[in-house]
Amino acid sequence: MFQNAPKSDPETQERFAAATELFSLVHRMSCACAAHPRLADAPMSRDLFRRIEEQGQSLVEAAKILGLGPKDCAYLLAGFRRDLAAELVALLVAAEIPRPVVEEER
């Protein structure tokens, strides 16, 4: 994703590192969210997503293995990613924000 990151500017390197870390976090969350039971009704889409996102297969390669056309796979993948994004947002919205622990004064 970030193959040509500049090496000279420390601020740019810091932004690059933060973007890489954020991408990695979102990727791991997406893969974990794909296993959510609400998305179990789309086994072909989930399998396609895992082949591309977790196993690193290309869309064409995954389509061939699954016996589907690349356009069909692109359609399934787009729909699954939309559903996945909605599920991820719902989980984040429902999560409680941790409150800092404040010691009471005596």
PDB file of N, CA and C in Angstrom:
ATOM      1  N   MET A   1       0.813  -1.189   0.000  1.00  0.00           N
ATOM      2  CA  MET A   1       0.000   0.000   0.000  1.00  0.00           C
ATOM      3  C   MET A   1       0.861   1.259   0.000  1.00  0.00           C
ATOM      4  N   PHE A   2       1.808   1.350   0.931  1.00  0.00           N
ATOM      5  CA  PHE A   2       2.661   2.523   1.040  1.00  0.00           C
ATOM      6  C   PHE A   2       4.083   2.140   0.653  1.00  0.00           C
ATOM      7  N   GLN A   3       4.277   1.747  -0.574  1.00  0.00           N
ATOM      8  CA  GLN A   3       5.570   1.226  -0.984  1.00  0.00           C
ATOM      9  C   GLN A   3       6.611   2.323  -1.179  1.00  0.00           C
ATOM     10  N   ASN A   4       6.223   3.499  -1.577  1.00  0.00           N
ATOM     11  CA  ASN A   4       7.172   4.561  -1.894  1.00  0.00           C
ATOM     12  C   ASN A   4       7.144   5.675  -0.863  1.00  0.00           C
ATOM     13  N   ALA A   5       7.266   5.313   0.390  1.00  0.00           N
ATOM     14  CA  ALA A   5       7.236   6.316   1.448  1.00  0.00           C
ATOM     15  C   ALA A   5       8.529   7.112   1.458  1.00  0.00           C
ATOM     16  N   PRO A   6       8.428   8.446   1.554  1.00  0.00           N
ATOM     17  CA  PRO A   6       9.637   9.264   1.632  1.00  0.00           C
ATOM     18  C   PRO A   6      10.425   8.929   2.887  1.00  0.00           C
ATOM     19  N   LYS A   7      11.733   8.957   2.780  1.00  0.00           N
ATOM     20  CA  LYS A   7      12.590   8.576   3.903  1.00  0.00           C
ATOM     21  C   LYS A   7      13.225   9.779   4.602  1.00  0.00           C
ATOM     22  N   SER A   8      13.167  10.972   4.000  1.00  0.00           N
ATOM     23  CA  SER A   8      13.942  12.091   4.519  1.00  0.00           C
ATOM     24  C   SER A   8      13.229  12.926   5.581  1.00  0.00           C
ATOM     25  N   ASP A   9      11.986  13.219   5.400  1.00  0.00           N
ATOM     26  CA  ASP A   9      11.258  14.132   6.276  1.00  0.00           C
ATOM     27  C   ASP A   9      10.707  13.380   7.492  1.00  0.00           C
ATOM     28  N   PRO A  10      11.140  13.709   8.725  1.00  0.00           N
ATOM     29  CA  PRO A  10      10.651  12.998   9.925  1.00  0.00           C
ATOM     30  C   PRO A  10       9.132  13.105  10.108  1.00  0.00           C
ATOM     31  N   GLU A  11       8.564  14.275   9.782  1.00  0.00           N
ATOM     32  CA  GLU A  11       7.112  14.447   9.920  1.00  0.00           C
ATOM     33  C   GLU A  11       6.372  13.536   8.941  1.00  0.00           C
ATOM     34  N   THR A  12       6.880  13.427   7.727  1.00  0.00           N
ATOM     35  CA  THR A  12       6.277  12.550   6.723  1.00  0.00           C
ATOM     36  C   THR A  12       6.410  11.098   7.149  1.00  0.00           C
ATOM     37  N   GLN A  13       7.559  10.741   7.694  1.00  0.00           N
ATOM     38  CA  GLN A  13       7.761   9.370   8.185  1.00  0.00           C
ATOM     39  C   GLN A  13       6.784   9.045   9.307  1.00  0.00           C
ATOM     40  N   GLU A  14       6.552  10.007  10.174  1.00  0.00           N
ATOM     41  CA  GLU A  14       5.621   9.812  11.286  1.00  0.00           C
ATOM     42  C   GLU A  14       4.193   9.618  10.767  1.00  0.00           C
ATOM     43  N   ARG A  15       3.790  10.440   9.801  1.00  0.00           N
ATOM     44  CA  ARG A  15       2.458  10.293   9.202  1.00  0.00           C
ATOM     45  C   ARG A  15       2.339   8.954   8.487  1.00  0.00           C
ATOM     46  N   PHE A  16       3.395   8.557   7.795  1.00  0.00           N
ATOM     47  CA  PHE A  16       3.419   7.271   7.105  1.00  0.00           C
ATOM     48  C   PHE A  16       3.253   6.120   8.100  1.00  0.00           C
ATOM     49  N   ALA A  17       3.976   6.183   9.213  1.00  0.00           N
ATOM     50  CA  ALA A  17       3.878   5.134  10.234  1.00  0.00           C
ATOM     51  C   ALA A  17       2.474   5.090  10.831  1.00  0.00           C
ATOM     52  N   ALA A  18       1.899   6.255  11.092  1.00  0.00           N
ATOM     53  CA  ALA A  18       0.546   6.306  11.652  1.00  0.00           C
ATOM     54  C   ALA A  18      -0.469   5.761  10.660  1.00  0.00           C
ATOM     55  N   ALA A  19      -0.326   6.110   9.382  1.00  0.00           N
ATOM     56  CA  ALA A  19      -1.250   5.614   8.357  1.00  0.00           C
ATOM     57  C   ALA A  19      -1.126   4.103   8.200  1.00  0.00           C
ATOM     58  N   THR A  20       0.097   3.603   8.242  1.00  0.00           N
ATOM     59  CA  THR A  20       0.323   2.162   8.132  1.00  0.00           C
ATOM     60  C   THR A  20      -0.302   1.425   9.309  1.00  0.00           C
ATOM     61  N   GLU A  21      -0.111   1.974  10.506  1.00  0.00           N
ATOM     62  CA  GLU A  21      -0.681   1.369  11.710  1.00  0.00           C
ATOM     63  C   GLU A  21      -2.206   1.399  11.662  1.00  0.00           C
ATOM     64  N   LEU A  22      -2.776   2.507  11.220  1.00  0.00           N
ATOM     65  CA  LEU A  22      -4.231   2.621  11.120  1.00  0.00           C
ATOM     66  C   LEU A  22      -4.778   1.641  10.092  1.00  0.00           C
ATOM     67  N   PHE A  23      -4.119   1.538   8.943  1.00  0.00           N
ATOM     68  CA  PHE A  23      -4.546   0.588   7.916  1.00  0.00           C
ATOM     69  C   PHE A  23      -4.523  -0.838   8.472  1.00  0.00           C
ATOM     70  N   SER A  24      -3.475  -1.176   9.189  1.00  0.00           N
ATOM     71  CA  SER A  24      -3.352  -2.512   9.770  1.00  0.00           C
ATOM     72  C   SER A  24      -4.475  -2.783  10.769  1.00  0.00           C
ATOM     73  N   LEU A  25      -4.780  -1.791  11.605  1.00  0.00           N
ATOM     74  CA  LEU A  25      -5.855  -1.929  12.585  1.00  0.00           C
ATOM     75  C   LEU A  25      -7.201  -2.132  11.902  1.00  0.00           C
ATOM     76  N   VAL A  26      -7.495  -1.303  10.903  1.00  0.00           N
ATOM     77  CA  VAL A  26      -8.769  -1.417  10.182  1.00  0.00           C
ATOM     78  C   VAL A  26      -8.852  -2.762   9.475  1.00  0.00           C
ATOM     79  N   HIS A  27      -7.751  -3.218   8.911  1.00  0.00           N
ATOM     80  CA  HIS A  27      -7.719  -4.510   8.233  1.00  0.00           C
ATOM     81  C   HIS A  27      -8.033  -5.643   9.215  1.00  0.00           C
ATOM     82  N   ARG A  28      -7.381  -5.627  10.381  1.00  0.00           N
ATOM     83  CA  ARG A  28      -7.629  -6.677  11.387  1.00  0.00           C
ATOM     84  C   ARG A  28      -9.071  -6.622  11.888  1.00  0.00           C
ATOM     85  N   MET A  29      -9.592  -5.419  12.101  1.00  0.00           N
ATOM     86  CA  MET A  29     -10.978  -5.275  12.560  1.00  0.00           C
ATOM     87  C   MET A  29     -11.947  -5.774  11.498  1.00  0.00           C
ATOM     88  N   SER A  30     -11.665  -5.478  10.244  1.00  0.00           N
ATOM     89  CA  SER A  30     -12.530  -5.940   9.151  1.00  0.00           C
ATOM     90  C   SER A  30     -12.551  -7.457   9.080  1.00  0.00           C
ATOM     91  N   CYS A  31     -11.385  -8.064   9.194  1.00  0.00           N
ATOM     92  CA  CYS A  31     -11.310  -9.531   9.140  1.00  0.00           C
ATOM     93  C   CYS A  31     -12.041 -10.157  10.331  1.00  0.00           C
ATOM     94  N   ALA A  32     -11.903  -9.555  11.508  1.00  0.00           N
ATOM     95  CA  ALA A  32     -12.612 -10.056  12.681  1.00  0.00           C
ATOM     96  C   ALA A  32     -14.116  -9.853  12.530  1.00  0.00           C
ATOM     97  N   CYS A  33     -14.504  -8.726  11.986  1.00  0.00           N
ATOM     98  CA  CYS A  33     -15.914  -8.417  11.802  1.00  0.00           C
ATOM     99  C   CYS A  33     -16.551  -9.343  10.769  1.00  0.00           C
ATOM    100  N   ALA A  34     -15.763  -9.788   9.805  1.00  0.00           N
ATOM    101  CA  ALA A  34     -16.285 -10.694   8.773  1.00  0.00           C
ATOM    102  C   ALA A  34     -16.739 -12.011   9.373  1.00  0.00           C
ATOM    103  N   ALA A  35     -16.215 -12.349  10.536  1.00  0.00           N
ATOM    104  CA  ALA A  35     -16.605 -13.587  11.208  1.00  0.00           C
ATOM    105  C   ALA A  35     -17.863 -13.409  12.063  1.00  0.00           C
ATOM    106  N   HIS A  36     -18.401 -12.199  12.117  1.00  0.00           N
ATOM    107  CA  HIS A  36     -19.582 -11.927  12.945  1.00  0.00           C
ATOM    108  C   HIS A  36     -20.775 -12.735  12.437  1.00  0.00           C
ATOM    109  N   PRO A  37     -21.568 -13.297  13.352  1.00  0.00           N
ATOM    110  CA  PRO A  37     -22.721 -14.114  12.946  1.00  0.00           C
ATOM    111  C   PRO A  37     -23.730 -13.416  12.036  1.00  0.00           C
ATOM    112  N   ARG A  38     -23.831 -12.104  12.115  1.00  0.00           N
ATOM    113  CA  ARG A  38     -24.790 -11.397  11.256  1.00  0.00           C
ATOM    114  C   ARG A  38     -24.428 -11.508   9.777  1.00  0.00           C
ATOM    115  N   LEU A  39     -23.172 -11.786   9.486  1.00  0.00           N
ATOM    116  CA  LEU A  39     -22.725 -11.890   8.107  1.00  0.00           C
ATOM    117  C   LEU A  39     -22.614 -13.345   7.653  1.00  0.00           C
ATOM    118  N   ALA A  40     -23.115 -14.258   8.449  1.00  0.00           N
ATOM    119  CA  ALA A  40     -23.017 -15.683   8.125  1.00  0.00           C
ATOM    120  C   ALA A  40     -23.929 -16.094   6.975  1.00  0.00           C
ATOM    121  N   ASP A  41     -24.896 -15.265   6.635  1.00  0.00           N
ATOM    122  CA  ASP A  41     -25.834 -15.616   5.570  1.00  0.00           C
ATOM    123  C   ASP A  41     -25.263 -15.351   4.181  1.00  0.00           C
ATOM    124  N   ALA A  42     -24.010 -14.949   4.113  1.00  0.00           N
ATOM    125  CA  ALA A  42     -23.368 -14.672   2.824  1.00  0.00           C
ATOM    126  C   ALA A  42     -22.072 -15.482   2.720  1.00  0.00           C
ATOM    127  N   PRO A  43     -22.177 -16.822   2.718  1.00  0.00           N
ATOM    128  CA  PRO A  43     -20.955 -17.632   2.759  1.00  0.00           C
ATOM    129  C   PRO A  43     -20.035 -17.428   1.556  1.00  0.00           C
ATOM    130  N   MET A  44     -20.582 -17.252   0.374  1.00  0.00           N
ATOM    131  CA  MET A  44     -19.738 -17.059  -0.806  1.00  0.00           C
ATOM    132  C   MET A  44     -19.015 -15.717  -0.723  1.00  0.00           C
ATOM    133  N   SER A  45     -19.728 -14.690  -0.301  1.00  0.00           N
ATOM    134  CA  SER A  45     -19.117 -13.370  -0.165  1.00  0.00           C
ATOM    135  C   SER A  45     -18.044 -13.380   0.920  1.00  0.00           C
ATOM    136  N   ARG A  46     -18.338 -14.049   2.022  1.00  0.00           N
ATOM    137  CA  ARG A  46     -17.366 -14.121   3.112  1.00  0.00           C
ATOM    138  C   ARG A  46     -16.124 -14.878   2.658  1.00  0.00           C
ATOM    139  N   ASP A  47     -16.307 -15.975   1.941  1.00  0.00           N
ATOM    140  CA  ASP A  47     -15.171 -16.745   1.439  1.00  0.00           C
ATOM    141  C   ASP A  47     -14.349 -15.895   0.477  1.00  0.00           C
ATOM    142  N   LEU A  48     -15.018 -15.159  -0.384  1.00  0.00           N
ATOM    143  CA  LEU A  48     -14.339 -14.278  -1.327  1.00  0.00           C
ATOM    144  C   LEU A  48     -13.538 -13.212  -0.574  1.00  0.00           C
ATOM    145  N   PHE A  49     -14.151 -12.594   0.421  1.00  0.00           N
ATOM    146  CA  PHE A  49     -13.481 -11.573   1.226  1.00  0.00           C
ATOM    147  C   PHE A  49     -12.236 -12.143   1.886  1.00  0.00           C
ATOM    148  N   ARG A  50     -12.362 -13.303   2.498  1.00  0.00           N
ATOM    149  CA  ARG A  50     -11.215 -13.917   3.184  1.00  0.00           C
ATOM    150  C   ARG A  50     -10.096 -14.267   2.207  1.00  0.00           C
ATOM    151  N   ARG A  51     -10.464 -14.766   1.041  1.00  0.00           N
ATOM    152  CA  ARG A  51      -9.434 -15.108   0.050  1.00  0.00           C
ATOM    153  C   ARG A  51      -8.644 -13.872  -0.364  1.00  0.00           C
ATOM    154  N   ILE A  52      -9.330 -12.756  -0.536  1.00  0.00           N
ATOM    155  CA  ILE A  52      -8.666 -11.536  -0.993  1.00  0.00           C
ATOM    156  C   ILE A  52      -7.964 -10.819   0.153  1.00  0.00           C
ATOM    157  N   GLU A  53      -8.652 -10.620   1.270  1.00  0.00           N
ATOM    158  CA  GLU A  53      -8.102  -9.826   2.371  1.00  0.00           C
ATOM    159  C   GLU A  53      -7.149 -10.601   3.274  1.00  0.00           C
ATOM    160  N   GLU A  54      -7.435 -11.844   3.568  1.00  0.00           N
ATOM    161  CA  GLU A  54      -6.592 -12.599   4.488  1.00  0.00           C
ATOM    162  C   GLU A  54      -5.517 -13.414   3.775  1.00  0.00           C
ATOM    163  N   GLN A  55      -5.874 -13.982   2.626  1.00  0.00           N
ATOM    164  CA  GLN A  55      -4.931 -14.844   1.925  1.00  0.00           C
ATOM    165  C   GLN A  55      -4.160 -14.118   0.829  1.00  0.00           C
ATOM    166  N   GLY A  56      -4.580 -12.909   0.496  1.00  0.00           N
ATOM    167  CA  GLY A  56      -3.865 -12.098  -0.479  1.00  0.00           C
ATOM    168  C   GLY A  56      -4.054 -12.498  -1.935  1.00  0.00           C
ATOM    169  N   GLN A  57      -5.120 -13.244  -2.213  1.00  0.00           N
ATOM    170  CA  GLN A  57      -5.385 -13.611  -3.602  1.00  0.00           C
ATOM    171  C   GLN A  57      -5.914 -12.401  -4.373  1.00  0.00           C
ATOM    172  N   SER A  58      -5.684 -12.401  -5.665  1.00  0.00           N
ATOM    173  CA  SER A  58      -6.253 -11.346  -6.499  1.00  0.00           C
ATOM    174  C   SER A  58      -7.731 -11.658  -6.734  1.00  0.00           C
ATOM    175  N   LEU A  59      -8.465 -10.660  -7.163  1.00  0.00           N
ATOM    176  CA  LEU A  59      -9.886 -10.848  -7.457  1.00  0.00           C
ATOM    177  C   LEU A  59     -10.070 -11.891  -8.556  1.00  0.00           C
ATOM    178  N   VAL A  60      -9.242 -11.816  -9.580  1.00  0.00           N
ATOM    179  CA  VAL A  60      -9.338 -12.761 -10.704  1.00  0.00           C
ATOM    180  C   VAL A  60      -9.025 -14.181 -10.242  1.00  0.00           C
ATOM    181  N   GLU A  61      -7.988 -14.317  -9.416  1.00  0.00           N
ATOM    182  CA  GLU A  61      -7.604 -15.638  -8.905  1.00  0.00           C
ATOM    183  C   GLU A  61      -8.714 -16.227  -8.027  1.00  0.00           C
ATOM    184  N   ALA A  62      -9.252 -15.427  -7.130  1.00  0.00           N
ATOM    185  CA  ALA A  62     -10.334 -15.885  -6.252  1.00  0.00           C
ATOM    186  C   ALA A  62     -11.568 -16.253  -7.070  1.00  0.00           C
ATOM    187  N   ALA A  63     -11.883 -15.455  -8.080  1.00  0.00           N
ATOM    188  CA  ALA A  63     -13.046 -15.737  -8.935  1.00  0.00           C
ATOM    189  C   ALA A  63     -12.877 -17.083  -9.633  1.00  0.00           C
ATOM    190  N   LYS A  64     -11.697 -17.333 -10.137  1.00  0.00           N
ATOM    191  CA  LYS A  64     -11.422 -18.593 -10.836  1.00  0.00           C
ATOM    192  C   LYS A  64     -11.590 -19.784  -9.892  1.00  0.00           C
ATOM    193  N   ILE A  65     -11.038 -19.669  -8.696  1.00  0.00           N
ATOM    194  CA  ILE A  65     -11.128 -20.750  -7.703  1.00  0.00           C
ATOM    195  C   ILE A  65     -12.577 -21.008  -7.301  1.00  0.00           C
ATOM    196  N   LEU A  66     -13.358 -19.940  -7.160  1.00  0.00           N
ATOM    197  CA  LEU A  66     -14.756 -20.070  -6.738  1.00  0.00           C
ATOM    198  C   LEU A  66     -15.699 -20.395  -7.896  1.00  0.00           C
ATOM    199  N   GLY A  67     -15.179 -20.382  -9.105  1.00  0.00           N
ATOM    200  CA  GLY A  67     -16.006 -20.695 -10.269  1.00  0.00           C
ATOM    201  C   GLY A  67     -16.971 -19.583 -10.644  1.00  0.00           C
ATOM    202  N   LEU A  68     -16.564 -18.351 -10.386  1.00  0.00           N
ATOM    203  CA  LEU A  68     -17.394 -17.186 -10.688  1.00  0.00           C
ATOM    204  C   LEU A  68     -16.643 -16.261 -11.638  1.00  0.00           C
ATOM    205  N   GLY A  69     -17.368 -15.367 -12.263  1.00  0.00           N
ATOM    206  CA  GLY A  69     -16.745 -14.359 -13.101  1.00  0.00           C
ATOM    207  C   GLY A  69     -16.188 -13.235 -12.251  1.00  0.00           C
ATOM    208  N   PRO A  70     -15.143 -12.570 -12.715  1.00  0.00           N
ATOM    209  CA  PRO A  70     -14.566 -11.456 -11.953  1.00  0.00           C
ATOM    210  C   PRO A  70     -15.562 -10.339 -11.661  1.00  0.00           C
ATOM    211  N   LYS A  71     -16.462 -10.040 -12.602  1.00  0.00           N
ATOM    212  CA  LYS A  71     -17.462  -8.984 -12.363  1.00  0.00           C
ATOM    213  C   LYS A  71     -18.436  -9.397 -11.268  1.00  0.00           C
ATOM    214  N   ASP A  72     -18.826 -10.685 -11.260  1.00  0.00           N
ATOM    215  CA  ASP A  72     -19.707 -11.175 -10.197  1.00  0.00           C
ATOM    216  C   ASP A  72     -19.012 -11.073  -8.838  1.00  0.00           C
ATOM    217  N   CYS A  73     -17.735 -11.422  -8.818  1.00  0.00           N
ATOM    218  CA  CYS A  73     -16.976 -11.345  -7.569  1.00  0.00           C
ATOM    219  C   CYS A  73     -16.817  -9.900  -7.105  1.00  0.00           C
ATOM    220  N   ALA A  74     -16.591  -8.994  -8.040  1.00  0.00           N
ATOM    221  CA  ALA A  74     -16.466  -7.584  -7.677  1.00  0.00           C
ATOM    222  C   ALA A  74     -17.774  -7.088  -7.054  1.00  0.00           C
ATOM    223  N   TYR A  75     -18.899  -7.522  -7.621  1.00  0.00           N
ATOM    224  CA  TYR A  75     -20.211  -7.140  -7.092  1.00  0.00           C
ATOM    225  C   TYR A  75     -20.427  -7.716  -5.682  1.00  0.00           C
ATOM    226  N   LEU A  76     -20.133  -9.013  -5.519  1.00  0.00           N
ATOM    227  CA  LEU A  76     -20.281  -9.657  -4.207  1.00  0.00           C
ATOM    228  C   LEU A  76     -19.374  -9.010  -3.173  1.00  0.00           C
ATOM    229  N   LEU A  77     -18.139  -8.739  -3.559  1.00  0.00           N
ATOM    230  CA  LEU A  77     -17.174  -8.153  -2.635  1.00  0.00           C
ATOM    231  C   LEU A  77     -17.591  -6.744  -2.214  1.00  0.00           C
ATOM    232  N   ALA A  78     -18.087  -5.954  -3.155  1.00  0.00           N
ATOM    233  CA  ALA A  78     -18.535  -4.596  -2.828  1.00  0.00           C
ATOM    234  C   ALA A  78     -19.707  -4.636  -1.844  1.00  0.00           C
ATOM    235  N   GLY A  79     -20.651  -5.522  -2.076  1.00  0.00           N
ATOM    236  CA  GLY A  79     -21.786  -5.649  -1.163  1.00  0.00           C
ATOM    237  C   GLY A  79     -21.363  -6.131   0.214  1.00  0.00           C
ATOM    238  N   PHE A  80     -20.443  -7.087   0.247  1.00  0.00           N
ATOM    239  CA  PHE A  80     -19.976  -7.610   1.537  1.00  0.00           C
ATOM    240  C   PHE A  80     -19.208  -6.539   2.298  1.00  0.00           C
ATOM    241  N   ARG A  81     -18.372  -5.780   1.594  1.00  0.00           N
ATOM    242  CA  ARG A  81     -17.625  -4.708   2.253  1.00  0.00           C
ATOM    243  C   ARG A  81     -18.561  -3.630   2.782  1.00  0.00           C
ATOM    244  N   ARG A  82     -19.640  -3.331   2.044  1.00  0.00           N
ATOM    245  CA  ARG A  82     -20.627  -2.354   2.518  1.00  0.00           C
ATOM    246  C   ARG A  82     -21.277  -2.867   3.797  1.00  0.00           C
ATOM    247  N   ASP A  83     -21.702  -4.138   3.784  1.00  0.00           N
ATOM    248  CA  ASP A  83     -22.318  -4.724   4.977  1.00  0.00           C
ATOM    249  C   ASP A  83     -21.330  -4.778   6.137  1.00  0.00           C
ATOM    250  N   LEU A  84     -20.099  -5.098   5.823  1.00  0.00           N
ATOM    251  CA  LEU A  84     -19.047  -5.170   6.832  1.00  0.00           C
ATOM    252  C   LEU A  84     -18.804  -3.802   7.452  1.00  0.00           C
ATOM    253  N   ALA A  85     -18.761  -2.769   6.623  1.00  0.00           N
ATOM    254  CA  ALA A  85     -18.563  -1.414   7.132  1.00  0.00           C
ATOM    255  C   ALA A  85     -19.716  -1.001   8.039  1.00  0.00           C
ATOM    256  N   ALA A  86     -20.931  -1.326   7.644  1.00  0.00           N
ATOM    257  CA  ALA A  86     -22.098  -0.999   8.475  1.00  0.00           C
ATOM    258  C   ALA A  86     -22.033  -1.735   9.809  1.00  0.00           C
ATOM    259  N   GLU A  87     -21.624  -2.998   9.776  1.00  0.00           N
ATOM    260  CA  GLU A  87     -21.504  -3.787  11.009  1.00  0.00           C
ATOM    261  C   GLU A  87     -20.406  -3.225  11.906  1.00  0.00           C
ATOM    262  N   LEU A  88     -19.301  -2.853  11.312  1.00  0.00           N
ATOM    263  CA  LEU A  88     -18.196  -2.288  12.070  1.00  0.00           C
ATOM    264  C   LEU A  88     -18.601  -0.978  12.732  1.00  0.00           C
ATOM    265  N   VAL A  89     -19.300  -0.120  12.009  1.00  0.00           N
ATOM    266  CA  VAL A  89     -19.777   1.143  12.583  1.00  0.00           C
ATOM    267  C   VAL A  89     -20.761   0.867  13.718  1.00  0.00           C
ATOM    268  N   ALA A  90     -21.673  -0.085  13.516  1.00  0.00           N
ATOM    269  CA  ALA A  90     -22.640  -0.423  14.566  1.00  0.00           C
ATOM    270  C   ALA A  90     -21.937  -0.921  15.828  1.00  0.00           C
ATOM    271  N   LEU A  91     -20.908  -1.732  15.653  1.00  0.00           N
ATOM    272  CA  LEU A  91     -20.169  -2.234  16.811  1.00  0.00           C
ATOM    273  C   LEU A  91     -19.431  -1.109  17.523  1.00  0.00           C
ATOM    274  N   LEU A  92     -18.848  -0.188  16.756  1.00  0.00           N
ATOM    275  CA  LEU A  92     -18.122   0.921  17.366  1.00  0.00           C
ATOM    276  C   LEU A  92     -19.060   1.886  18.080  1.00  0.00           C
ATOM    277  N   VAL A  93     -20.218   2.127  17.502  1.00  0.00           N
ATOM    278  CA  VAL A  93     -21.186   3.028  18.122  1.00  0.00           C
ATOM    279  C   VAL A  93     -21.741   2.423  19.413  1.00  0.00           C
ATOM    280  N   ALA A  94     -21.928   1.111  19.422  1.00  0.00           N
ATOM    281  CA  ALA A  94     -22.486   0.437  20.586  1.00  0.00           C
ATOM    282  C   ALA A  94     -21.469   0.266  21.712  1.00  0.00           C
ATOM    283  N   ALA A  95     -20.193   0.375  21.401  1.00  0.00           N
ATOM    284  CA  ALA A  95     -19.149   0.180  22.407  1.00  0.00           C
ATOM    285  C   ALA A  95     -19.135   1.349  23.383  1.00  0.00           C
ATOM    286  N   GLU A  96     -18.885   1.021  24.630  1.00  0.00           N
ATOM    287  CA  GLU A  96     -18.759   2.066  25.638  1.00  0.00           C
ATOM    288  C   GLU A  96     -17.364   2.660  25.574  1.00  0.00           C
ATOM    289  N   ILE A  97     -17.295   3.954  25.694  1.00  0.00           N
ATOM    290  CA  ILE A  97     -15.998   4.619  25.721  1.00  0.00           C
ATOM    291  C   ILE A  97     -15.445   4.501  27.131  1.00  0.00           C
ATOM    292  N   PRO A  98     -14.230   3.994  27.254  1.00  0.00           N
ATOM    293  CA  PRO A  98     -13.660   3.866  28.604  1.00  0.00           C
ATOM    294  C   PRO A  98     -13.509   5.230  29.272  1.00  0.00           C
ATOM    295  N   ARG A  99     -13.883   5.289  30.493  1.00  0.00           N
ATOM    296  CA  ARG A  99     -13.768   6.525  31.272  1.00  0.00           C
ATOM    297  C   ARG A  99     -12.475   6.469  32.091  1.00  0.00           C
ATOM    298  N   PRO A 100     -11.789   7.594  32.197  1.00  0.00           N
ATOM    299  CA  PRO A 100     -10.572   7.580  33.023  1.00  0.00           C
ATOM    300  C   PRO A 100     -10.928   7.342  34.486  1.00  0.00           C
ATOM    301  N   VAL A 101     -10.067   6.623  35.134  1.00  0.00           N
ATOM    302  CA  VAL A 101     -10.283   6.343  36.554  1.00  0.00           C
ATOM    303  C   VAL A 101      -9.841   7.564  37.338  1.00  0.00           C
ATOM    304  N   VAL A 102     -10.763   8.098  38.137  1.00  0.00           N
ATOM    305  CA  VAL A 102     -10.467   9.268  38.957  1.00  0.00           C
ATOM    306  C   VAL A 102     -10.592   8.857  40.415  1.00  0.00           C
ATOM    307  N   GLU A 103      -9.506   9.025  41.122  1.00  0.00           N
ATOM    308  CA  GLU A 103      -9.543   8.661  42.539  1.00  0.00           C
ATOM    309  C   GLU A 103     -10.243   9.767  43.318  1.00  0.00           C
ATOM    310  N   GLU A 104     -11.123   9.344  44.199  1.00  0.00           N
ATOM    311  CA  GLU A 104     -11.850  10.317  45.008  1.00  0.00           C
ATOM    312  C   GLU A 104     -10.949  10.883  46.085  1.00  0.00           C
ATOM    313  N   GLU A 105     -11.087  12.185  46.301  1.00  0.00           N
ATOM    314  CA  GLU A 105     -10.307  12.812  47.367  1.00  0.00           C
ATOM    315  C   GLU A 105     -10.990  12.559  48.682  1.00  0.00           C
ATOM    316  N   ARG A 106     -10.199  12.294  49.702  1.00  0.00           N
ATOM    317  CA  ARG A 106     -10.780  12.006  51.023  1.00  0.00           C
ATOM    318  C   ARG A 106     -10.589  13.154  51.951  1.00  0.00           C
TER     319      ARG A 106
END
